[in-house]
Amino acid sequence: MNTEIGTYDTKTRLAEILRQVEETGANFTITKHGKPVADLIPSKSSEKSKAETAINNILKSRKHLVTDRDLDEMKTSDRK
């Protein structure tokens, strides 16, 4: 998602804009008098954080938990 935003709005809403970039990966093009001057995009270093968050969300959403008994059954049936 790429949203154009003027320099004045950028200045007055910077904290909110940065939160959107961090939480949703939103991209912003900052304009001055309607002309693009800069792009605000998520940092590449945040990719690791996003991956960790995704993994944690997947683990939380798992509905079927594997018990020790299930693991033992898998081992005896040669499943890994």
PDB file of N, CA and C in Angstrom:
ATOM      1  N   MET A   1       0.848  -1.168   0.000  1.00  0.00           N
ATOM      2  CA  MET A   1       0.000   0.000   0.000  1.00  0.00           C
ATOM      3  C   MET A   1       0.898   1.236   0.000  1.00  0.00           C
ATOM      4  N   ASN A   2       0.717   2.105  -0.981  1.00  0.00           N
ATOM      5  CA  ASN A   2       1.502   3.326  -1.062  1.00  0.00           C
ATOM      6  C   ASN A   2       0.547   4.513  -0.999  1.00  0.00           C
ATOM      7  N   THR A   3       0.742   5.365  -0.007  1.00  0.00           N
ATOM      8  CA  THR A   3      -0.127   6.511   0.211  1.00  0.00           C
ATOM      9  C   THR A   3       0.676   7.787   0.066  1.00  0.00           C
ATOM     10  N   GLU A   4       0.134   8.746  -0.683  1.00  0.00           N
ATOM     11  CA  GLU A   4       0.790  10.053  -0.775  1.00  0.00           C
ATOM     12  C   GLU A   4       0.344  10.908   0.402  1.00  0.00           C
ATOM     13  N   ILE A   5       1.301  11.635   0.959  1.00  0.00           N
ATOM     14  CA  ILE A   5       1.006  12.498   2.098  1.00  0.00           C
ATOM     15  C   ILE A   5       1.874  13.749   1.980  1.00  0.00           C
ATOM     16  N   GLY A   6       1.278  14.897   2.235  1.00  0.00           N
ATOM     17  CA  GLY A   6       1.994  16.168   2.144  1.00  0.00           C
ATOM     18  C   GLY A   6       2.963  16.352   3.293  1.00  0.00           C
ATOM     19  N   THR A   7       3.898  17.270   3.107  1.00  0.00           N
ATOM     20  CA  THR A   7       4.917  17.499   4.137  1.00  0.00           C
ATOM     21  C   THR A   7       4.306  17.990   5.445  1.00  0.00           C
ATOM     22  N   TYR A   8       3.288  18.848   5.374  1.00  0.00           N
ATOM     23  CA  TYR A   8       2.660  19.346   6.596  1.00  0.00           C
ATOM     24  C   TYR A   8       1.995  18.210   7.355  1.00  0.00           C
ATOM     25  N   ASP A   9       1.209  17.363   6.647  1.00  0.00           N
ATOM     26  CA  ASP A   9       0.567  16.229   7.302  1.00  0.00           C
ATOM     27  C   ASP A   9       1.597  15.258   7.862  1.00  0.00           C
ATOM     28  N   THR A  10       2.705  15.100   7.137  1.00  0.00           N
ATOM     29  CA  THR A  10       3.769  14.221   7.631  1.00  0.00           C
ATOM     30  C   THR A  10       4.298  14.733   8.963  1.00  0.00           C
ATOM     31  N   LYS A  11       4.518  16.042   9.015  1.00  0.00           N
ATOM     32  CA  LYS A  11       5.059  16.642  10.236  1.00  0.00           C
ATOM     33  C   LYS A  11       4.084  16.501  11.403  1.00  0.00           C
ATOM     34  N   THR A  12       2.810  16.729  11.155  1.00  0.00           N
ATOM     35  CA  THR A  12       1.847  16.715  12.255  1.00  0.00           C
ATOM     36  C   THR A  12       1.423  15.308  12.663  1.00  0.00           C
ATOM     37  N   ARG A  13       1.574  14.334  11.761  1.00  0.00           N
ATOM     38  CA  ARG A  13       1.120  12.965  12.048  1.00  0.00           C
ATOM     39  C   ARG A  13       2.255  11.940  12.035  1.00  0.00           C
ATOM     40  N   LEU A  14       3.483  12.376  12.232  1.00  0.00           N
ATOM     41  CA  LEU A  14       4.636  11.488  12.085  1.00  0.00           C
ATOM     42  C   LEU A  14       4.551  10.237  12.947  1.00  0.00           C
ATOM     43  N   ALA A  15       4.184  10.378  14.196  1.00  0.00           N
ATOM     44  CA  ALA A  15       4.124   9.204  15.085  1.00  0.00           C
ATOM     45  C   ALA A  15       3.114   8.178  14.559  1.00  0.00           C
ATOM     46  N   GLU A  16       1.966   8.639  14.118  1.00  0.00           N
ATOM     47  CA  GLU A  16       0.940   7.740  13.579  1.00  0.00           C
ATOM     48  C   GLU A  16       1.419   7.066  12.293  1.00  0.00           C
ATOM     49  N   ILE A  17       2.074   7.839  11.437  1.00  0.00           N
ATOM     50  CA  ILE A  17       2.579   7.299  10.174  1.00  0.00           C
ATOM     51  C   ILE A  17       3.637   6.229  10.438  1.00  0.00           C
ATOM     52  N   LEU A  18       4.556   6.497  11.344  1.00  0.00           N
ATOM     53  CA  LEU A  18       5.598   5.523  11.675  1.00  0.00           C
ATOM     54  C   LEU A  18       4.987   4.251  12.259  1.00  0.00           C
ATOM     55  N   ARG A  19       3.937   4.389  13.059  1.00  0.00           N
ATOM     56  CA  ARG A  19       3.260   3.210  13.616  1.00  0.00           C
ATOM     57  C   ARG A  19       2.671   2.363  12.490  1.00  0.00           C
ATOM     58  N   GLN A  20       2.055   3.013  11.507  1.00  0.00           N
ATOM     59  CA  GLN A  20       1.484   2.277  10.382  1.00  0.00           C
ATOM     60  C   GLN A  20       2.560   1.551   9.586  1.00  0.00           C
ATOM     61  N   VAL A  21       3.688   2.217   9.376  1.00  0.00           N
ATOM     62  CA  VAL A  21       4.792   1.592   8.643  1.00  0.00           C
ATOM     63  C   VAL A  21       5.285   0.367   9.397  1.00  0.00           C
ATOM     64  N   GLU A  22       5.443   0.508  10.696  1.00  0.00           N
ATOM     65  CA  GLU A  22       5.957  -0.589  11.518  1.00  0.00           C
ATOM     66  C   GLU A  22       4.968  -1.753  11.601  1.00  0.00           C
ATOM     67  N   GLU A  23       3.706  -1.456  11.862  1.00  0.00           N
ATOM     68  CA  GLU A  23       2.733  -2.512  12.120  1.00  0.00           C
ATOM     69  C   GLU A  23       2.163  -3.159  10.865  1.00  0.00           C
ATOM     70  N   THR A  24       1.979  -2.374   9.802  1.00  0.00           N
ATOM     71  CA  THR A  24       1.315  -2.911   8.620  1.00  0.00           C
ATOM     72  C   THR A  24       2.206  -2.972   7.390  1.00  0.00           C
ATOM     73  N   GLY A  25       3.408  -2.396   7.487  1.00  0.00           N
ATOM     74  CA  GLY A  25       4.295  -2.379   6.327  1.00  0.00           C
ATOM     75  C   GLY A  25       3.883  -1.361   5.281  1.00  0.00           C
ATOM     76  N   ALA A  26       3.074  -0.381   5.679  1.00  0.00           N
ATOM     77  CA  ALA A  26       2.591   0.634   4.748  1.00  0.00           C
ATOM     78  C   ALA A  26       3.756   1.455   4.193  1.00  0.00           C
ATOM     79  N   ASN A  27       3.602   1.912   2.952  1.00  0.00           N
ATOM     80  CA  ASN A  27       4.572   2.788   2.304  1.00  0.00           C
ATOM     81  C   ASN A  27       3.936   4.151   2.094  1.00  0.00           C
ATOM     82  N   PHE A  28       4.707   5.208   2.283  1.00  0.00           N
ATOM     83  CA  PHE A  28       4.208   6.558   2.075  1.00  0.00           C
ATOM     84  C   PHE A  28       5.143   7.302   1.131  1.00  0.00           C
ATOM     85  N   THR A  29       4.551   8.072   0.228  1.00  0.00           N
ATOM     86  CA  THR A  29       5.311   8.992  -0.603  1.00  0.00           C
ATOM     87  C   THR A  29       5.023  10.379  -0.069  1.00  0.00           C
ATOM     88  N   ILE A  30       6.062  11.055   0.377  1.00  0.00           N
ATOM     89  CA  ILE A  30       5.907  12.397   0.929  1.00  0.00           C
ATOM     90  C   ILE A  30       6.012  13.390  -0.225  1.00  0.00           C
ATOM     91  N   THR A  31       5.021  14.292  -0.297  1.00  0.00           N
ATOM     92  CA  THR A  31       4.981  15.259  -1.400  1.00  0.00           C
ATOM     93  C   THR A  31       5.119  16.674  -0.877  1.00  0.00           C
ATOM     94  N   LYS A  32       5.650  17.526  -1.740  1.00  0.00           N
ATOM     95  CA  LYS A  32       5.749  18.955  -1.444  1.00  0.00           C
ATOM     96  C   LYS A  32       5.138  19.685  -2.630  1.00  0.00           C
ATOM     97  N   HIS A  33       4.063  20.388  -2.368  1.00  0.00           N
ATOM     98  CA  HIS A  33       3.303  21.072  -3.424  1.00  0.00           C
ATOM     99  C   HIS A  33       2.875  20.088  -4.508  1.00  0.00           C
ATOM    100  N   GLY A  34       2.484  18.874  -4.079  1.00  0.00           N
ATOM    101  CA  GLY A  34       1.978  17.862  -4.989  1.00  0.00           C
ATOM    102  C   GLY A  34       3.037  17.058  -5.726  1.00  0.00           C
ATOM    103  N   LYS A  35       4.312  17.364  -5.516  1.00  0.00           N
ATOM    104  CA  LYS A  35       5.391  16.635  -6.195  1.00  0.00           C
ATOM    105  C   LYS A  35       6.093  15.706  -5.201  1.00  0.00           C
ATOM    106  N   PRO A  36       6.307  14.459  -5.592  1.00  0.00           N
ATOM    107  CA  PRO A  36       6.984  13.510  -4.700  1.00  0.00           C
ATOM    108  C   PRO A  36       8.416  13.961  -4.374  1.00  0.00           C
ATOM    109  N   VAL A  37       8.766  13.894  -3.089  1.00  0.00           N
ATOM    110  CA  VAL A  37      10.123  14.250  -2.677  1.00  0.00           C
ATOM    111  C   VAL A  37      10.828  13.134  -1.920  1.00  0.00           C
ATOM    112  N   ALA A  38      10.058  12.225  -1.311  1.00  0.00           N
ATOM    113  CA  ALA A  38      10.691  11.152  -0.540  1.00  0.00           C
ATOM    114  C   ALA A  38       9.709  10.003  -0.359  1.00  0.00           C
ATOM    115  N   ASP A  39      10.257   8.809  -0.165  1.00  0.00           N
ATOM    116  CA  ASP A  39       9.451   7.632   0.141  1.00  0.00           C
ATOM    117  C   ASP A  39       9.791   7.145   1.535  1.00  0.00           C
ATOM    118  N   LEU A  40       8.773   6.825   2.289  1.00  0.00           N
ATOM    119  CA  LEU A  40       8.943   6.262   3.627  1.00  0.00           C
ATOM    120  C   LEU A  40       8.493   4.808   3.547  1.00  0.00           C
ATOM    121  N   ILE A  41       9.444   3.896   3.739  1.00  0.00           N
ATOM    122  CA  ILE A  41       9.178   2.463   3.612  1.00  0.00           C
ATOM    123  C   ILE A  41       9.696   1.745   4.855  1.00  0.00           C
ATOM    124  N   PRO A  42       9.197   0.531   5.129  1.00  0.00           N
ATOM    125  CA  PRO A  42       9.688  -0.216   6.290  1.00  0.00           C
ATOM    126  C   PRO A  42      11.187  -0.530   6.158  1.00  0.00           C
ATOM    127  N   SER A  43      11.869  -0.503   7.265  1.00  0.00           N
ATOM    128  CA  SER A  43      13.279  -0.839   7.298  1.00  0.00           C
ATOM    129  C   SER A  43      13.471  -2.321   7.009  1.00  0.00           C
ATOM    130  N   LYS A  44      14.531  -2.660   6.306  1.00  0.00           N
ATOM    131  CA  LYS A  44      14.810  -4.069   6.021  1.00  0.00           C
ATOM    132  C   LYS A  44      15.113  -4.839   7.289  1.00  0.00           C
ATOM    133  N   SER A  45      15.642  -4.165   8.296  1.00  0.00           N
ATOM    134  CA  SER A  45      15.950  -4.857   9.546  1.00  0.00           C
ATOM    135  C   SER A  45      14.682  -5.284  10.271  1.00  0.00           C
ATOM    136  N   SER A  46      13.537  -4.698   9.907  1.00  0.00           N
ATOM    137  CA  SER A  46      12.293  -5.097  10.547  1.00  0.00           C
ATOM    138  C   SER A  46      11.744  -6.393   9.967  1.00  0.00           C
ATOM    139  N   GLU A  47      12.315  -6.880   8.867  1.00  0.00           N
ATOM    140  CA  GLU A  47      11.846  -8.130   8.257  1.00  0.00           C
ATOM    141  C   GLU A  47      12.002  -9.308   9.217  1.00  0.00           C
ATOM    142  N   LYS A  48      13.105  -9.342   9.952  1.00  0.00           N
ATOM    143  CA  LYS A  48      13.312 -10.421  10.917  1.00  0.00           C
ATOM    144  C   LYS A  48      12.235 -10.370  11.995  1.00  0.00           C
ATOM    145  N   SER A  49      11.929  -9.163  12.442  1.00  0.00           N
ATOM    146  CA  SER A  49      10.894  -8.995  13.448  1.00  0.00           C
ATOM    147  C   SER A  49       9.536  -9.457  12.917  1.00  0.00           C
ATOM    148  N   LYS A  50       9.239  -9.142  11.655  1.00  0.00           N
ATOM    149  CA  LYS A  50       7.980  -9.576  11.059  1.00  0.00           C
ATOM    150  C   LYS A  50       7.919 -11.094  10.978  1.00  0.00           C
ATOM    151  N   ALA A  51       9.031 -11.718  10.626  1.00  0.00           N
ATOM    152  CA  ALA A  51       9.065 -13.181  10.539  1.00  0.00           C
ATOM    153  C   ALA A  51       8.831 -13.802  11.912  1.00  0.00           C
ATOM    154  N   GLU A  52       9.468 -13.256  12.916  1.00  0.00           N
ATOM    155  CA  GLU A  52       9.286 -13.773  14.270  1.00  0.00           C
ATOM    156  C   GLU A  52       7.838 -13.607  14.724  1.00  0.00           C
ATOM    157  N   THR A  53       7.240 -12.472  14.415  1.00  0.00           N
ATOM    158  CA  THR A  53       5.847 -12.229  14.768  1.00  0.00           C
ATOM    159  C   THR A  53       4.934 -13.217  14.062  1.00  0.00           C
ATOM    160  N   ALA A  54       5.193 -13.462  12.782  1.00  0.00           N
ATOM    161  CA  ALA A  54       4.375 -14.410  12.021  1.00  0.00           C
ATOM    162  C   ALA A  54       4.477 -15.810  12.612  1.00  0.00           C
ATOM    163  N   ILE A  55       5.682 -16.225  12.948  1.00  0.00           N
ATOM    164  CA  ILE A  55       5.881 -17.547  13.546  1.00  0.00           C
ATOM    165  C   ILE A  55       5.133 -17.651  14.873  1.00  0.00           C
ATOM    166  N   ASN A  56       5.247 -16.626  15.693  1.00  0.00           N
ATOM    167  CA  ASN A  56       4.551 -16.644  16.982  1.00  0.00           C
ATOM    168  C   ASN A  56       3.037 -16.689  16.803  1.00  0.00           C
ATOM    169  N   ASN A  57       2.528 -15.957  15.816  1.00  0.00           N
ATOM    170  CA  ASN A  57       1.086 -15.976  15.555  1.00  0.00           C
ATOM    171  C   ASN A  57       0.628 -17.354  15.086  1.00  0.00           C
ATOM    172  N   ILE A  58       1.427 -17.991  14.252  1.00  0.00           N
ATOM    173  CA  ILE A  58       1.087 -19.337  13.788  1.00  0.00           C
ATOM    174  C   ILE A  58       1.055 -20.310  14.961  1.00  0.00           C
ATOM    175  N   LEU A  59       2.057 -20.221  15.809  1.00  0.00           N
ATOM    176  CA  LEU A  59       2.108 -21.125  16.958  1.00  0.00           C
ATOM    177  C   LEU A  59       0.920 -20.906  17.899  1.00  0.00           C
ATOM    178  N   LYS A  60       0.522 -19.648  18.074  1.00  0.00           N
ATOM    179  CA  LYS A  60      -0.620 -19.354  18.939  1.00  0.00           C
ATOM    180  C   LYS A  60      -1.924 -19.873  18.342  1.00  0.00           C
ATOM    181  N   SER A  61      -2.013 -19.846  17.026  1.00  0.00           N
ATOM    182  CA  SER A  61      -3.282 -20.210  16.390  1.00  0.00           C
ATOM    183  C   SER A  61      -3.441 -21.707  16.159  1.00  0.00           C
ATOM    184  N   ARG A  62      -2.422 -22.467  16.443  1.00  0.00           N
ATOM    185  CA  ARG A  62      -2.525 -23.921  16.245  1.00  0.00           C
ATOM    186  C   ARG A  62      -3.631 -24.478  17.121  1.00  0.00           C
ATOM    187  N   LYS A  63      -4.502 -25.220  16.502  1.00  0.00           N
ATOM    188  CA  LYS A  63      -5.622 -25.785  17.240  1.00  0.00           C
ATOM    189  C   LYS A  63      -5.331 -27.194  17.722  1.00  0.00           C
ATOM    190  N   HIS A  64      -4.467 -27.887  17.013  1.00  0.00           N
ATOM    191  CA  HIS A  64      -4.151 -29.261  17.388  1.00  0.00           C
ATOM    192  C   HIS A  64      -2.743 -29.286  17.982  1.00  0.00           C
ATOM    193  N   LEU A  65      -2.671 -29.614  19.239  1.00  0.00           N
ATOM    194  CA  LEU A  65      -1.375 -29.726  19.884  1.00  0.00           C
ATOM    195  C   LEU A  65      -0.928 -31.181  19.852  1.00  0.00           C
ATOM    196  N   VAL A  66       0.331 -31.397  19.572  1.00  0.00           N
ATOM    197  CA  VAL A  66       0.874 -32.748  19.516  1.00  0.00           C
ATOM    198  C   VAL A  66       1.306 -33.146  20.924  1.00  0.00           C
ATOM    199  N   THR A  67       0.750 -34.243  21.391  1.00  0.00           N
ATOM    200  CA  THR A  67       1.087 -34.725  22.730  1.00  0.00           C
ATOM    201  C   THR A  67       2.272 -35.690  22.644  1.00  0.00           C
ATOM    202  N   ASP A  68       2.814 -36.049  23.787  1.00  0.00           N
ATOM    203  CA  ASP A  68       3.906 -37.019  23.822  1.00  0.00           C
ATOM    204  C   ASP A  68       3.446 -38.358  23.247  1.00  0.00           C
ATOM    205  N   ARG A  69       2.221 -38.707  23.524  1.00  0.00           N
ATOM    206  CA  ARG A  69       1.664 -39.959  22.989  1.00  0.00           C
ATOM    207  C   ARG A  69       1.617 -39.909  21.454  1.00  0.00           C
ATOM    208  N   ASP A  70       1.167 -38.794  20.909  1.00  0.00           N
ATOM    209  CA  ASP A  70       1.141 -38.632  19.449  1.00  0.00           C
ATOM    210  C   ASP A  70       2.548 -38.764  18.866  1.00  0.00           C
ATOM    211  N   LEU A  71       3.523 -38.163  19.530  1.00  0.00           N
ATOM    212  CA  LEU A  71       4.901 -38.253  19.053  1.00  0.00           C
ATOM    213  C   LEU A  71       5.405 -39.687  19.069  1.00  0.00           C
ATOM    214  N   ASP A  72       5.101 -40.400  20.144  1.00  0.00           N
ATOM    215  CA  ASP A  72       5.508 -41.802  20.229  1.00  0.00           C
ATOM    216  C   ASP A  72       4.882 -42.635  19.118  1.00  0.00           C
ATOM    217  N   GLU A  73       3.608 -42.389  18.819  1.00  0.00           N
ATOM    218  CA  GLU A  73       2.937 -43.108  17.743  1.00  0.00           C
ATOM    219  C   GLU A  73       3.574 -42.795  16.391  1.00  0.00           C
ATOM    220  N   MET A  74       3.941 -41.543  16.197  1.00  0.00           N
ATOM    221  CA  MET A  74       4.590 -41.161  14.938  1.00  0.00           C
ATOM    222  C   MET A  74       5.950 -41.840  14.790  1.00  0.00           C
ATOM    223  N   LYS A  75       6.680 -41.909  15.888  1.00  0.00           N
ATOM    224  CA  LYS A  75       7.995 -42.554  15.846  1.00  0.00           C
ATOM    225  C   LYS A  75       7.869 -44.032  15.489  1.00  0.00           C
ATOM    226  N   THR A  76       6.890 -44.694  16.078  1.00  0.00           N
ATOM    227  CA  THR A  76       6.744 -46.142  15.815  1.00  0.00           C
ATOM    228  C   THR A  76       6.237 -46.419  14.413  1.00  0.00           C
ATOM    229  N   SER A  77       5.567 -45.437  13.805  1.00  0.00           N
ATOM    230  CA  SER A  77       5.079 -45.640  12.435  1.00  0.00           C
ATOM    231  C   SER A  77       6.042 -45.034  11.411  1.00  0.00           C
ATOM    232  N   ASP A  78       7.290 -44.743  11.820  1.00  0.00           N
ATOM    233  CA  ASP A  78       8.345 -44.196  10.969  1.00  0.00           C
ATOM    234  C   ASP A  78       8.017 -42.827  10.370  1.00  0.00           C
ATOM    235  N   ARG A  79       7.182 -42.048  11.010  1.00  0.00           N
ATOM    236  CA  ARG A  79       6.909 -40.686  10.552  1.00  0.00           C
ATOM    237  C   ARG A  79       7.824 -39.735  11.296  1.00  0.00           C
ATOM    238  N   LYS A  80       8.267 -38.727  10.605  1.00  0.00           N
ATOM    239  CA  LYS A  80       9.145 -37.735  11.244  1.00  0.00           C
ATOM    240  C   LYS A  80       8.483 -36.403  11.286  1.00  0.00           C
TER     241      LYS A  80
END
